[in-house]
C-alpha cells in the first residue's frame, strides 16, 4: 500500500468504510457463523490497515472521522465508535518517514485488529 496523496487515501478509506458497512449488512445472510466471523474480522482488519495508512500518510484524525461519519450516517453508534477507537489507536503510533517502517506499522496495526476480532468471536 504505497499511497502518496492524502486524497487517494481518503478515497480508499471511504471505499473500505463502504465495504465494511456492506459486509456487516450481508453477514446475517451467511449460513456459516465461522465464515461470517472470519469475513467480519477481515473487513475490520482491512479498515484498520487503511486507518493506519491514512495516519502514516499524514491525514488528520479529524479528516478520518469526518469521512467515516459521512459514510456511516444512519448506522449504529457501534460503527462510529469502532472507527473512533481505530483512529485514536493509530495516533498513539508515530508517523514514520521511510516506507519500510510505514508498511510494517500498517501490517502490524491491521494484524492486531484481526487478532482482537478473532478473540471476541472465540469467547462467544
PDB file of N, CA and C in Angstrom:
ATOM      1  N   UNK A   1       0.831  -1.176   0.000  1.00  0.00           N
ATOM      2  CA  UNK A   1       0.000   0.000   0.000  1.00  0.00           C
ATOM      3  C   UNK A   1       0.880   1.245   0.000  1.00  0.00           C
ATOM      4  N   UNK A   2       1.337   1.670  -1.131  1.00  0.00           N
ATOM      5  CA  UNK A   2       2.176   2.851  -1.230  1.00  0.00           C
ATOM      6  C   UNK A   2       1.389   4.007  -1.811  1.00  0.00           C
ATOM      7  N   UNK A   3       0.522   4.588  -1.022  1.00  0.00           N
ATOM      8  CA  UNK A   3      -0.292   5.714  -1.438  1.00  0.00           C
ATOM      9  C   UNK A   3       0.415   6.982  -0.979  1.00  0.00           C
ATOM     10  N   UNK A   4       0.604   7.922  -1.886  1.00  0.00           N
ATOM     11  CA  UNK A   4       1.343   9.130  -1.550  1.00  0.00           C
ATOM     12  C   UNK A   4       0.462  10.356  -1.387  1.00  0.00           C
ATOM     13  N   UNK A   5      -0.721  10.378  -1.957  1.00  0.00           N
ATOM     14  CA  UNK A   5      -1.574  11.559  -1.908  1.00  0.00           C
ATOM     15  C   UNK A   5      -2.688  11.368  -0.892  1.00  0.00           C
ATOM     16  N   UNK A   6      -2.824  12.320   0.042  1.00  0.00           N
ATOM     17  CA  UNK A   6      -3.885  12.192   1.047  1.00  0.00           C
ATOM     18  C   UNK A   6      -5.269  12.014   0.443  1.00  0.00           C
ATOM     19  N   UNK A   7      -5.555  12.650  -0.702  1.00  0.00           N
ATOM     20  CA  UNK A   7      -6.887  12.486  -1.300  1.00  0.00           C
ATOM     21  C   UNK A   7      -7.102  11.046  -1.738  1.00  0.00           C
ATOM     22  N   UNK A   8      -6.068  10.376  -2.204  1.00  0.00           N
ATOM     23  CA  UNK A   8      -6.179   8.964  -2.569  1.00  0.00           C
ATOM     24  C   UNK A   8      -6.438   8.112  -1.338  1.00  0.00           C
ATOM     25  N   UNK A   9      -5.791   8.452  -0.247  1.00  0.00           N
ATOM     26  CA  UNK A   9      -6.000   7.713   0.995  1.00  0.00           C
ATOM     27  C   UNK A   9      -7.431   7.906   1.464  1.00  0.00           C
ATOM     28  N   UNK A  10      -7.941   9.133   1.390  1.00  0.00           N
ATOM     29  CA  UNK A  10      -9.322   9.388   1.787  1.00  0.00           C
ATOM     30  C   UNK A  10     -10.290   8.597   0.925  1.00  0.00           C
ATOM     31  N   UNK A  11     -10.022   8.536  -0.371  1.00  0.00           N
ATOM     32  CA  UNK A  11     -10.893   7.761  -1.260  1.00  0.00           C
ATOM     33  C   UNK A  11     -10.874   6.288  -0.875  1.00  0.00           C
ATOM     34  N   UNK A  12      -9.697   5.758  -0.593  1.00  0.00           N
ATOM     35  CA  UNK A  12      -9.594   4.349  -0.199  1.00  0.00           C
ATOM     36  C   UNK A  12     -10.247   4.113   1.154  1.00  0.00           C
ATOM     37  N   UNK A  13     -10.075   5.054   2.072  1.00  0.00           N
ATOM     38  CA  UNK A  13     -10.703   4.939   3.386  1.00  0.00           C
ATOM     39  C   UNK A  13     -12.220   4.944   3.237  1.00  0.00           C
ATOM     40  N   UNK A  14     -12.725   5.803   2.379  1.00  0.00           N
ATOM     41  CA  UNK A  14     -14.166   5.842   2.124  1.00  0.00           C
ATOM     42  C   UNK A  14     -14.632   4.530   1.522  1.00  0.00           C
ATOM     43  N   UNK A  15     -13.893   4.015   0.556  1.00  0.00           N
ATOM     44  CA  UNK A  15     -14.259   2.758  -0.090  1.00  0.00           C
ATOM     45  C   UNK A  15     -14.294   1.615   0.911  1.00  0.00           C
ATOM     46  N   UNK A  16     -13.298   1.506   1.755  1.00  0.00           N
ATOM     47  CA  UNK A  16     -13.285   0.394   2.701  1.00  0.00           C
ATOM     48  C   UNK A  16     -14.371   0.561   3.752  1.00  0.00           C
ATOM     49  N   UNK A  17     -14.676   1.791   4.118  1.00  0.00           N
ATOM     50  CA  UNK A  17     -15.781   2.001   5.058  1.00  0.00           C
ATOM     51  C   UNK A  17     -17.092   1.547   4.439  1.00  0.00           C
ATOM     52  N   UNK A  18     -17.277   1.835   3.157  1.00  0.00           N
ATOM     53  CA  UNK A  18     -18.479   1.371   2.454  1.00  0.00           C
ATOM     54  C   UNK A  18     -18.491  -0.150   2.403  1.00  0.00           C
ATOM     55  N   UNK A  19     -17.335  -0.758   2.135  1.00  0.00           N
ATOM     56  CA  UNK A  19     -17.251  -2.217   2.102  1.00  0.00           C
ATOM     57  C   UNK A  19     -17.580  -2.802   3.469  1.00  0.00           C
ATOM     58  N   UNK A  20     -17.103  -2.154   4.522  1.00  0.00           N
ATOM     59  CA  UNK A  20     -17.387  -2.636   5.874  1.00  0.00           C
ATOM     60  C   UNK A  20     -18.880  -2.600   6.143  1.00  0.00           C
ATOM     61  N   UNK A  21     -19.510  -1.498   5.804  1.00  0.00           N
ATOM     62  CA  UNK A  21     -20.951  -1.376   6.013  1.00  0.00           C
ATOM     63  C   UNK A  21     -21.688  -2.423   5.195  1.00  0.00           C
ATOM     64  N   UNK A  22     -21.274  -2.620   3.948  1.00  0.00           N
ATOM     65  CA  UNK A  22     -21.907  -3.633   3.100  1.00  0.00           C
ATOM     66  C   UNK A  22     -21.731  -5.019   3.688  1.00  0.00           C
ATOM     67  N   UNK A  23     -20.546  -5.302   4.157  1.00  0.00           N
ATOM     68  CA  UNK A  23     -20.279  -6.626   4.721  1.00  0.00           C
ATOM     69  C   UNK A  23     -21.117  -6.867   5.966  1.00  0.00           C
ATOM     70  N   UNK A  24     -21.240  -5.867   6.792  1.00  0.00           N
ATOM     71  CA  UNK A  24     -21.999  -6.028   8.028  1.00  0.00           C
ATOM     72  C   UNK A  24     -23.475  -6.244   7.734  1.00  0.00           C
ATOM     73  N   UNK A  25     -23.999  -5.592   6.715  1.00  0.00           N
ATOM     74  CA  UNK A  25     -25.414  -5.767   6.398  1.00  0.00           C
ATOM     75  C   UNK A  25     -25.683  -7.113   5.745  1.00  0.00           C
ATOM     76  N   UNK A  26     -24.671  -7.722   5.146  1.00  0.00           N
ATOM     77  CA  UNK A  26     -24.837  -9.023   4.496  1.00  0.00           C
ATOM     78  C   UNK A  26     -24.580 -10.175   5.464  1.00  0.00           C
ATOM     79  N   UNK A  27     -23.873  -9.940   6.538  1.00  0.00           N
ATOM     80  CA  UNK A  27     -23.475 -11.007   7.450  1.00  0.00           C
ATOM     81  C   UNK A  27     -24.609 -11.921   7.890  1.00  0.00           C
ATOM     82  N   UNK A  28     -25.790 -11.412   8.260  1.00  0.00           N
ATOM     83  CA  UNK A  28     -26.838 -12.330   8.703  1.00  0.00           C
ATOM     84  C   UNK A  28     -27.252 -13.339   7.636  1.00  0.00           C
ATOM     85  N   UNK A  29     -27.018 -13.023   6.380  1.00  0.00           N
ATOM     86  CA  UNK A  29     -27.411 -13.929   5.306  1.00  0.00           C
ATOM     87  C   UNK A  29     -26.446 -15.105   5.160  1.00  0.00           C
ATOM     88  N   UNK A  30     -25.270 -15.007   5.723  1.00  0.00           N
ATOM     89  CA  UNK A  30     -24.305 -16.091   5.598  1.00  0.00           C
ATOM     90  C   UNK A  30     -24.718 -17.253   6.488  1.00  0.00           C
ATOM     91  N   UNK A  31     -24.703 -18.441   5.903  1.00  0.00           N
ATOM     92  CA  UNK A  31     -25.167 -19.624   6.628  1.00  0.00           C
ATOM     93  C   UNK A  31     -24.184 -20.059   7.710  1.00  0.00           C
ATOM     94  N   UNK A  32     -22.930 -19.928   7.452  1.00  0.00           N
ATOM     95  CA  UNK A  32     -21.904 -20.425   8.353  1.00  0.00           C
ATOM     96  C   UNK A  32     -21.418 -19.303   9.267  1.00  0.00           C
ATOM     97  N   UNK A  33     -21.625 -19.454  10.564  1.00  0.00           N
ATOM     98  CA  UNK A  33     -21.237 -18.410  11.516  1.00  0.00           C
ATOM     99  C   UNK A  33     -19.729 -18.179  11.511  1.00  0.00           C
ATOM    100  N   UNK A  34     -18.950 -19.236  11.403  1.00  0.00           N
ATOM    101  CA  UNK A  34     -17.492 -19.088  11.387  1.00  0.00           C
ATOM    102  C   UNK A  34     -17.048 -18.291  10.169  1.00  0.00           C
ATOM    103  N   UNK A  35     -17.669 -18.559   9.031  1.00  0.00           N
ATOM    104  CA  UNK A  35     -17.347 -17.811   7.815  1.00  0.00           C
ATOM    105  C   UNK A  35     -17.705 -16.339   8.002  1.00  0.00           C
ATOM    106  N   UNK A  36     -18.845 -16.078   8.591  1.00  0.00           N
ATOM    107  CA  UNK A  36     -19.267 -14.703   8.846  1.00  0.00           C
ATOM    108  C   UNK A  36     -18.281 -14.009   9.781  1.00  0.00           C
ATOM    109  N   UNK A  37     -17.848 -14.707  10.819  1.00  0.00           N
ATOM    110  CA  UNK A  37     -16.883 -14.139  11.760  1.00  0.00           C
ATOM    111  C   UNK A  37     -15.571 -13.805  11.062  1.00  0.00           C
ATOM    112  N   UNK A  38     -15.068 -14.743  10.249  1.00  0.00           N
ATOM    113  CA  UNK A  38     -13.812 -14.508   9.537  1.00  0.00           C
ATOM    114  C   UNK A  38     -13.932 -13.338   8.574  1.00  0.00           C
ATOM    115  N   UNK A  39     -15.045 -13.255   7.861  1.00  0.00           N
ATOM    116  CA  UNK A  39     -15.231 -12.152   6.922  1.00  0.00           C
ATOM    117  C   UNK A  39     -15.343 -10.824   7.657  1.00  0.00           C
ATOM    118  N   UNK A  40     -16.017 -10.824   8.788  1.00  0.00           N
ATOM    119  CA  UNK A  40     -16.115  -9.607   9.590  1.00  0.00           C
ATOM    120  C   UNK A  40     -14.727  -9.179  10.059  1.00  0.00           C
ATOM    121  N   UNK A  41     -13.943 -10.129  10.558  1.00  0.00           N
ATOM    122  CA  UNK A  41     -12.594  -9.814  11.037  1.00  0.00           C
ATOM    123  C   UNK A  41     -11.688  -9.359   9.893  1.00  0.00           C
ATOM    124  N   UNK A  42     -11.846  -9.950   8.715  1.00  0.00           N
ATOM    125  CA  UNK A  42     -11.080  -9.498   7.549  1.00  0.00           C
ATOM    126  C   UNK A  42     -11.395  -8.042   7.227  1.00  0.00           C
ATOM    127  N   UNK A  43     -12.677  -7.698   7.249  1.00  0.00           N
ATOM    128  CA  UNK A  43     -13.085  -6.324   6.951  1.00  0.00           C
ATOM    129  C   UNK A  43     -12.561  -5.348   8.011  1.00  0.00           C
ATOM    130  N   UNK A  44     -12.660  -5.735   9.264  1.00  0.00           N
ATOM    131  CA  UNK A  44     -12.166  -4.878  10.347  1.00  0.00           C
ATOM    132  C   UNK A  44     -10.659  -4.696  10.223  1.00  0.00           C
ATOM    133  N   UNK A  45      -9.957  -5.771   9.907  1.00  0.00           N
ATOM    134  CA  UNK A  45      -8.516  -5.715   9.732  1.00  0.00           C
ATOM    135  C   UNK A  45      -8.136  -4.788   8.578  1.00  0.00           C
ATOM    136  N   UNK A  46      -8.845  -4.898   7.477  1.00  0.00           N
ATOM    137  CA  UNK A  46      -8.542  -4.042   6.329  1.00  0.00           C
ATOM    138  C   UNK A  46      -8.850  -2.582   6.645  1.00  0.00           C
ATOM    139  N   UNK A  47      -9.949  -2.345   7.324  1.00  0.00           N
ATOM    140  CA  UNK A  47     -10.269  -0.975   7.729  1.00  0.00           C
ATOM    141  C   UNK A  47      -9.172  -0.420   8.639  1.00  0.00           C
ATOM    142  N   UNK A  48      -8.712  -1.229   9.587  1.00  0.00           N
ATOM    143  CA  UNK A  48      -7.638  -0.795  10.486  1.00  0.00           C
ATOM    144  C   UNK A  48      -6.375  -0.464   9.693  1.00  0.00           C
ATOM    145  N   UNK A  49      -6.057  -1.293   8.705  1.00  0.00           N
ATOM    146  CA  UNK A  49      -4.890  -1.023   7.871  1.00  0.00           C
ATOM    147  C   UNK A  49      -5.007   0.295   7.127  1.00  0.00           C
ATOM    148  N   UNK A  50      -6.193   0.586   6.627  1.00  0.00           N
ATOM    149  CA  UNK A  50      -6.389   1.847   5.915  1.00  0.00           C
ATOM    150  C   UNK A  50      -6.364   3.045   6.857  1.00  0.00           C
ATOM    151  N   UNK A  51      -6.866   2.867   8.059  1.00  0.00           N
ATOM    152  CA  UNK A  51      -6.780   3.950   9.046  1.00  0.00           C
ATOM    153  C   UNK A  51      -5.310   4.240   9.341  1.00  0.00           C
ATOM    154  N   UNK A  52      -4.506   3.187   9.542  1.00  0.00           N
ATOM    155  CA  UNK A  52      -3.086   3.404   9.814  1.00  0.00           C
ATOM    156  C   UNK A  52      -2.373   3.970   8.590  1.00  0.00           C
ATOM    157  N   UNK A  53      -2.754   3.534   7.389  1.00  0.00           N
ATOM    158  CA  UNK A  53      -2.150   4.094   6.185  1.00  0.00           C
ATOM    159  C   UNK A  53      -2.440   5.592   6.123  1.00  0.00           C
ATOM    160  N   UNK A  54      -3.678   5.965   6.401  1.00  0.00           N
ATOM    161  CA  UNK A  54      -4.039   7.381   6.392  1.00  0.00           C
ATOM    162  C   UNK A  54      -3.208   8.140   7.428  1.00  0.00           C
ATOM    163  N   UNK A  55      -3.018   7.541   8.584  1.00  0.00           N
ATOM    164  CA  UNK A  55      -2.197   8.148   9.639  1.00  0.00           C
ATOM    165  C   UNK A  55      -0.769   8.333   9.159  1.00  0.00           C
ATOM    166  N   UNK A  56      -0.208   7.284   8.569  1.00  0.00           N
ATOM    167  CA  UNK A  56       1.179   7.341   8.115  1.00  0.00           C
ATOM    168  C   UNK A  56       1.368   8.316   6.956  1.00  0.00           C
ATOM    169  N   UNK A  57       0.320   8.557   6.184  1.00  0.00           N
ATOM    170  CA  UNK A  57       0.409   9.489   5.059  1.00  0.00           C
ATOM    171  C   UNK A  57       0.073  10.920   5.460  1.00  0.00           C
ATOM    172  N   UNK A  58      -0.264  11.129   6.734  1.00  0.00           N
ATOM    173  CA  UNK A  58      -0.406  12.486   7.229  1.00  0.00           C
ATOM    174  C   UNK A  58      -1.812  13.040   7.347  1.00  0.00           C
ATOM    175  N   UNK A  59      -2.835  12.226   7.131  1.00  0.00           N
ATOM    176  CA  UNK A  59      -4.190  12.720   7.330  1.00  0.00           C
ATOM    177  C   UNK A  59      -4.419  12.981   8.812  1.00  0.00           C
ATOM    178  N   UNK A  60      -5.223  13.967   9.091  1.00  0.00           N
ATOM    179  CA  UNK A  60      -5.521  14.270  10.490  1.00  0.00           C
ATOM    180  C   UNK A  60      -6.621  13.347  10.999  1.00  0.00           C
ATOM    181  N   UNK A  61      -6.689  13.228  12.305  1.00  0.00           N
ATOM    182  CA  UNK A  61      -7.758  12.432  12.914  1.00  0.00           C
ATOM    183  C   UNK A  61      -9.111  13.015  12.529  1.00  0.00           C
ATOM    184  N   UNK A  62      -9.198  14.325  12.492  1.00  0.00           N
ATOM    185  CA  UNK A  62     -10.452  14.986  12.140  1.00  0.00           C
ATOM    186  C   UNK A  62     -10.894  14.609  10.724  1.00  0.00           C
ATOM    187  N   UNK A  63      -9.962  14.596   9.769  1.00  0.00           N
ATOM    188  CA  UNK A  63     -10.314  14.214   8.394  1.00  0.00           C
ATOM    189  C   UNK A  63     -10.838  12.781   8.339  1.00  0.00           C
ATOM    190  N   UNK A  64     -10.163  11.883   9.035  1.00  0.00           N
ATOM    191  CA  UNK A  64     -10.588  10.484   9.023  1.00  0.00           C
ATOM    192  C   UNK A  64     -11.967  10.320   9.651  1.00  0.00           C
ATOM    193  N   UNK A  65     -12.207  11.008  10.744  1.00  0.00           N
ATOM    194  CA  UNK A  65     -13.501  10.894  11.422  1.00  0.00           C
ATOM    195  C   UNK A  65     -14.622  11.528  10.605  1.00  0.00           C
ATOM    196  N   UNK A  66     -14.317  12.597   9.875  1.00  0.00           N
ATOM    197  CA  UNK A  66     -15.331  13.220   9.021  1.00  0.00           C
ATOM    198  C   UNK A  66     -15.758  12.279   7.904  1.00  0.00           C
ATOM    199  N   UNK A  67     -14.794  11.618   7.274  1.00  0.00           N
ATOM    200  CA  UNK A  67     -15.114  10.666   6.209  1.00  0.00           C
ATOM    201  C   UNK A  67     -15.959   9.532   6.763  1.00  0.00           C
ATOM    202  N   UNK A  68     -15.530   8.963   7.873  1.00  0.00           N
ATOM    203  CA  UNK A  68     -16.273   7.828   8.426  1.00  0.00           C
ATOM    204  C   UNK A  68     -17.665   8.249   8.875  1.00  0.00           C
ATOM    205  N   UNK A  69     -17.795   9.451   9.383  1.00  0.00           N
ATOM    206  CA  UNK A  69     -19.106   9.930   9.827  1.00  0.00           C
ATOM    207  C   UNK A  69     -20.078  10.031   8.659  1.00  0.00           C
ATOM    208  N   UNK A  70     -19.596  10.532   7.525  1.00  0.00           N
ATOM    209  CA  UNK A  70     -20.457  10.632   6.332  1.00  0.00           C
ATOM    210  C   UNK A  70     -20.833   9.254   5.812  1.00  0.00           C
ATOM    211  N   UNK A  71     -19.867   8.372   5.740  1.00  0.00           N
ATOM    212  CA  UNK A  71     -20.106   7.042   5.184  1.00  0.00           C
ATOM    213  C   UNK A  71     -21.020   6.221   6.089  1.00  0.00           C
ATOM    214  N   UNK A  72     -20.861   6.367   7.376  1.00  0.00           N
ATOM    215  CA  UNK A  72     -21.617   5.551   8.329  1.00  0.00           C
ATOM    216  C   UNK A  72     -22.897   6.227   8.822  1.00  0.00           C
ATOM    217  N   UNK A  73     -23.288   7.310   8.186  1.00  0.00           N
ATOM    218  CA  UNK A  73     -24.509   8.013   8.596  1.00  0.00           C
ATOM    219  C   UNK A  73     -25.702   7.056   8.554  1.00  0.00           C
ATOM    220  N   UNK A  74     -26.452   7.035   9.624  1.00  0.00           N
ATOM    221  CA  UNK A  74     -27.624   6.175   9.700  1.00  0.00           C
ATOM    222  C   UNK A  74     -27.354   4.811  10.317  1.00  0.00           C
ATOM    223  N   UNK A  75     -26.093   4.486  10.538  1.00  0.00           N
ATOM    224  CA  UNK A  75     -25.750   3.213  11.164  1.00  0.00           C
ATOM    225  C   UNK A  75     -25.582   3.404  12.661  1.00  0.00           C
ATOM    226  N   UNK A  76     -25.564   2.310  13.368  1.00  0.00           N
ATOM    227  CA  UNK A  76     -25.497   2.381  14.829  1.00  0.00           C
ATOM    228  C   UNK A  76     -24.202   3.051  15.289  1.00  0.00           C
ATOM    229  N   UNK A  77     -24.262   3.530  16.501  1.00  0.00           N
ATOM    230  CA  UNK A  77     -23.098   4.183  17.096  1.00  0.00           C
ATOM    231  C   UNK A  77     -21.918   3.231  17.241  1.00  0.00           C
ATOM    232  N   UNK A  78     -22.168   1.924  17.236  1.00  0.00           N
ATOM    233  CA  UNK A  78     -21.080   0.948  17.352  1.00  0.00           C
ATOM    234  C   UNK A  78     -20.068   1.113  16.226  1.00  0.00           C
ATOM    235  N   UNK A  79     -20.549   1.347  15.011  1.00  0.00           N
ATOM    236  CA  UNK A  79     -19.643   1.514  13.870  1.00  0.00           C
ATOM    237  C   UNK A  79     -18.819   2.789  14.022  1.00  0.00           C
ATOM    238  N   UNK A  80     -19.471   3.867  14.414  1.00  0.00           N
ATOM    239  CA  UNK A  80     -18.760   5.131  14.622  1.00  0.00           C
ATOM    240  C   UNK A  80     -17.726   4.969  15.737  1.00  0.00           C
ATOM    241  N   UNK A  81     -18.120   4.269  16.782  1.00  0.00           N
ATOM    242  CA  UNK A  81     -17.212   4.046  17.907  1.00  0.00           C
ATOM    243  C   UNK A  81     -15.986   3.242  17.468  1.00  0.00           C
ATOM    244  N   UNK A  82     -16.203   2.192  16.682  1.00  0.00           N
ATOM    245  CA  UNK A  82     -15.093   1.358  16.212  1.00  0.00           C
ATOM    246  C   UNK A  82     -14.075   2.189  15.444  1.00  0.00           C
ATOM    247  N   UNK A  83     -14.545   2.995  14.508  1.00  0.00           N
ATOM    248  CA  UNK A  83     -13.622   3.822  13.731  1.00  0.00           C
ATOM    249  C   UNK A  83     -12.938   4.841  14.642  1.00  0.00           C
ATOM    250  N   UNK A  84     -13.676   5.408  15.576  1.00  0.00           N
ATOM    251  CA  UNK A  84     -13.072   6.356  16.513  1.00  0.00           C
ATOM    252  C   UNK A  84     -11.961   5.723  17.334  1.00  0.00           C
ATOM    253  N   UNK A  85     -12.185   4.497  17.780  1.00  0.00           N
ATOM    254  CA  UNK A  85     -11.154   3.773  18.534  1.00  0.00           C
ATOM    255  C   UNK A  85      -9.941   3.513  17.643  1.00  0.00           C
ATOM    256  N   UNK A  86     -10.190   3.087  16.409  1.00  0.00           N
ATOM    257  CA  UNK A  86      -9.080   2.830  15.483  1.00  0.00           C
ATOM    258  C   UNK A  86      -8.255   4.094  15.252  1.00  0.00           C
ATOM    259  N   UNK A  87      -8.934   5.197  15.017  1.00  0.00           N
ATOM    260  CA  UNK A  87      -8.226   6.456  14.774  1.00  0.00           C
ATOM    261  C   UNK A  87      -7.425   6.845  16.018  1.00  0.00           C
ATOM    262  N   UNK A  88      -8.030   6.730  17.187  1.00  0.00           N
ATOM    263  CA  UNK A  88      -7.304   7.030  18.423  1.00  0.00           C
ATOM    264  C   UNK A  88      -6.076   6.152  18.592  1.00  0.00           C
ATOM    265  N   UNK A  89      -6.243   4.863  18.327  1.00  0.00           N
ATOM    266  CA  UNK A  89      -5.110   3.938  18.417  1.00  0.00           C
ATOM    267  C   UNK A  89      -4.026   4.291  17.401  1.00  0.00           C
ATOM    268  N   UNK A  90      -4.435   4.657  16.205  1.00  0.00           N
ATOM    269  CA  UNK A  90      -3.469   4.995  15.152  1.00  0.00           C
ATOM    270  C   UNK A  90      -2.630   6.208  15.545  1.00  0.00           C
ATOM    271  N   UNK A  91      -3.231   7.147  16.245  1.00  0.00           N
ATOM    272  CA  UNK A  91      -2.496   8.348  16.632  1.00  0.00           C
ATOM    273  C   UNK A  91      -1.655   8.155  17.891  1.00  0.00           C
ATOM    274  N   UNK A  92      -1.651   6.963  18.439  1.00  0.00           N
ATOM    275  CA  UNK A  92      -0.726   6.625  19.530  1.00  0.00           C
ATOM    276  C   UNK A  92       0.597   6.096  18.963  1.00  0.00           C
ATOM    277  N   UNK A  93       0.615   5.922  17.655  1.00  0.00           N
ATOM    278  CA  UNK A  93       1.788   5.397  16.956  1.00  0.00           C
ATOM    279  C   UNK A  93       2.438   6.555  16.200  1.00  0.00           C
ATOM    280  N   UNK A  94       3.760   6.643  16.232  1.00  0.00           N
ATOM    281  CA  UNK A  94       4.405   7.742  15.497  1.00  0.00           C
ATOM    282  C   UNK A  94       4.277   7.577  13.985  1.00  0.00           C
ATOM    283  N   UNK A  95       4.360   8.708  13.291  1.00  0.00           N
ATOM    284  CA  UNK A  95       4.435   8.678  11.826  1.00  0.00           C
ATOM    285  C   UNK A  95       5.879   8.391  11.447  1.00  0.00           C
ATOM    286  N   UNK A  96       6.038   7.538  10.464  1.00  0.00           N
ATOM    287  CA  UNK A  96       7.377   7.196  10.004  1.00  0.00           C
ATOM    288  C   UNK A  96       7.656   7.852   8.665  1.00  0.00           C
ATOM    289  N   UNK A  97       8.939   8.084   8.403  1.00  0.00           N
ATOM    290  CA  UNK A  97       9.354   8.718   7.160  1.00  0.00           C
ATOM    291  C   UNK A  97       9.589   7.675   6.071  1.00  0.00           C
ATOM    292  N   UNK A  98      10.247   6.589   6.425  1.00  0.00           N
ATOM    293  CA  UNK A  98      10.606   5.609   5.394  1.00  0.00           C
ATOM    294  C   UNK A  98       9.472   4.602   5.161  1.00  0.00           C
ATOM    295  N   UNK A  99       9.354   4.179   3.916  1.00  0.00           N
ATOM    296  CA  UNK A  99       8.268   3.285   3.506  1.00  0.00           C
ATOM    297  C   UNK A  99       8.286   1.951   4.236  1.00  0.00           C
ATOM    298  N   UNK A 100       9.469   1.427   4.522  1.00  0.00           N
ATOM    299  CA  UNK A 100       9.549   0.128   5.198  1.00  0.00           C
ATOM    300  C   UNK A 100       8.857   0.181   6.560  1.00  0.00           C
ATOM    301  N   UNK A 101       9.177   1.194   7.344  1.00  0.00           N
ATOM    302  CA  UNK A 101       8.550   1.320   8.666  1.00  0.00           C
ATOM    303  C   UNK A 101       7.062   1.609   8.556  1.00  0.00           C
ATOM    304  N   UNK A 102       6.675   2.417   7.564  1.00  0.00           N
ATOM    305  CA  UNK A 102       5.245   2.694   7.354  1.00  0.00           C
ATOM    306  C   UNK A 102       4.495   1.399   7.070  1.00  0.00           C
ATOM    307  N   UNK A 103       5.014   0.624   6.116  1.00  0.00           N
ATOM    308  CA  UNK A 103       4.350  -0.621   5.724  1.00  0.00           C
ATOM    309  C   UNK A 103       4.308  -1.618   6.879  1.00  0.00           C
ATOM    310  N   UNK A 104       5.383  -1.670   7.641  1.00  0.00           N
ATOM    311  CA  UNK A 104       5.439  -2.567   8.792  1.00  0.00           C
ATOM    312  C   UNK A 104       4.391  -2.172   9.832  1.00  0.00           C
ATOM    313  N   UNK A 105       4.264  -0.884  10.093  1.00  0.00           N
ATOM    314  CA  UNK A 105       3.284  -0.409  11.078  1.00  0.00           C
ATOM    315  C   UNK A 105       1.856  -0.658  10.597  1.00  0.00           C
ATOM    316  N   UNK A 106       1.604  -0.459   9.314  1.00  0.00           N
ATOM    317  CA  UNK A 106       0.271  -0.718   8.749  1.00  0.00           C
ATOM    318  C   UNK A 106      -0.082  -2.191   8.918  1.00  0.00           C
ATOM    319  N   UNK A 107       0.857  -3.063   8.574  1.00  0.00           N
ATOM    320  CA  UNK A 107       0.612  -4.507   8.690  1.00  0.00           C
ATOM    321  C   UNK A 107       0.399  -4.917  10.147  1.00  0.00           C
ATOM    322  N   UNK A 108       1.227  -4.402  11.044  1.00  0.00           N
ATOM    323  CA  UNK A 108       1.092  -4.738  12.470  1.00  0.00           C
ATOM    324  C   UNK A 108      -0.251  -4.274  13.029  1.00  0.00           C
ATOM    325  N   UNK A 109      -0.636  -3.064  12.697  1.00  0.00           N
ATOM    326  CA  UNK A 109      -1.888  -2.489  13.189  1.00  0.00           C
ATOM    327  C   UNK A 109      -3.078  -3.298  12.685  1.00  0.00           C
ATOM    328  N   UNK A 110      -3.047  -3.625  11.421  1.00  0.00           N
ATOM    329  CA  UNK A 110      -4.110  -4.431  10.813  1.00  0.00           C
ATOM    330  C   UNK A 110      -4.196  -5.798  11.486  1.00  0.00           C
ATOM    331  N   UNK A 111      -3.051  -6.420  11.703  1.00  0.00           N
ATOM    332  CA  UNK A 111      -3.000  -7.745  12.327  1.00  0.00           C
ATOM    333  C   UNK A 111      -3.522  -7.699  13.767  1.00  0.00           C
ATOM    334  N   UNK A 112      -3.178  -6.657  14.494  1.00  0.00           N
ATOM    335  CA  UNK A 112      -3.657  -6.530  15.878  1.00  0.00           C
ATOM    336  C   UNK A 112      -5.183  -6.483  15.918  1.00  0.00           C
ATOM    337  N   UNK A 113      -5.781  -5.747  14.998  1.00  0.00           N
ATOM    338  CA  UNK A 113      -7.244  -5.673  14.974  1.00  0.00           C
ATOM    339  C   UNK A 113      -7.858  -6.999  14.548  1.00  0.00           C
ATOM    340  N   UNK A 114      -7.208  -7.704  13.625  1.00  0.00           N
ATOM    341  CA  UNK A 114      -7.718  -9.018  13.220  1.00  0.00           C
ATOM    342  C   UNK A 114      -7.700  -9.971  14.414  1.00  0.00           C
ATOM    343  N   UNK A 115      -6.582 -10.007  15.122  1.00  0.00           N
ATOM    344  CA  UNK A 115      -6.450 -10.897  16.281  1.00  0.00           C
ATOM    345  C   UNK A 115      -7.471 -10.543  17.365  1.00  0.00           C
ATOM    346  N   UNK A 116      -7.645  -9.268  17.632  1.00  0.00           N
ATOM    347  CA  UNK A 116      -8.624  -8.843  18.640  1.00  0.00           C
ATOM    348  C   UNK A 116     -10.030  -9.260  18.243  1.00  0.00           C
ATOM    349  N   UNK A 117     -10.354  -9.112  16.981  1.00  0.00           N
ATOM    350  CA  UNK A 117     -11.670  -9.507  16.474  1.00  0.00           C
ATOM    351  C   UNK A 117     -11.877 -11.009  16.651  1.00  0.00           C
ATOM    352  N   UNK A 118     -10.887 -11.798  16.285  1.00  0.00           N
ATOM    353  CA  UNK A 118     -10.992 -13.249  16.425  1.00  0.00           C
ATOM    354  C   UNK A 118     -11.166 -13.645  17.893  1.00  0.00           C
ATOM    355  N   UNK A 119     -10.481 -12.956  18.789  1.00  0.00           N
ATOM    356  CA  UNK A 119     -10.625 -13.246  20.220  1.00  0.00           C
ATOM    357  C   UNK A 119     -12.039 -12.969  20.705  1.00  0.00           C
ATOM    358  N   UNK A 120     -12.637 -11.907  20.213  1.00  0.00           N
ATOM    359  CA  UNK A 120     -14.019 -11.591  20.596  1.00  0.00           C
ATOM    360  C   UNK A 120     -14.948 -12.712  20.164  1.00  0.00           C
ATOM    361  N   UNK A 121     -14.794 -13.178  18.924  1.00  0.00           N
ATOM    362  CA  UNK A 121     -15.670 -14.239  18.428  1.00  0.00           C
ATOM    363  C   UNK A 121     -15.409 -15.574  19.115  1.00  0.00           C
ATOM    364  N   UNK A 122     -14.167 -15.826  19.520  1.00  0.00           N
ATOM    365  CA  UNK A 122     -13.867 -17.110  20.164  1.00  0.00           C
ATOM    366  C   UNK A 122     -14.452 -17.191  21.574  1.00  0.00           C
ATOM    367  N   UNK A 123     -14.771 -16.061  22.168  1.00  0.00           N
ATOM    368  CA  UNK A 123     -15.339 -16.043  23.520  1.00  0.00           C
ATOM    369  C   UNK A 123     -16.850 -16.212  23.519  1.00  0.00           C
ATOM    370  N   UNK A 124     -17.443 -16.238  22.348  1.00  0.00           N
ATOM    371  CA  UNK A 124     -18.907 -16.376  22.268  1.00  0.00           C
ATOM    372  C   UNK A 124     -19.314 -17.811  22.381  1.00  0.00           C
TER     373      UNK A 124
END
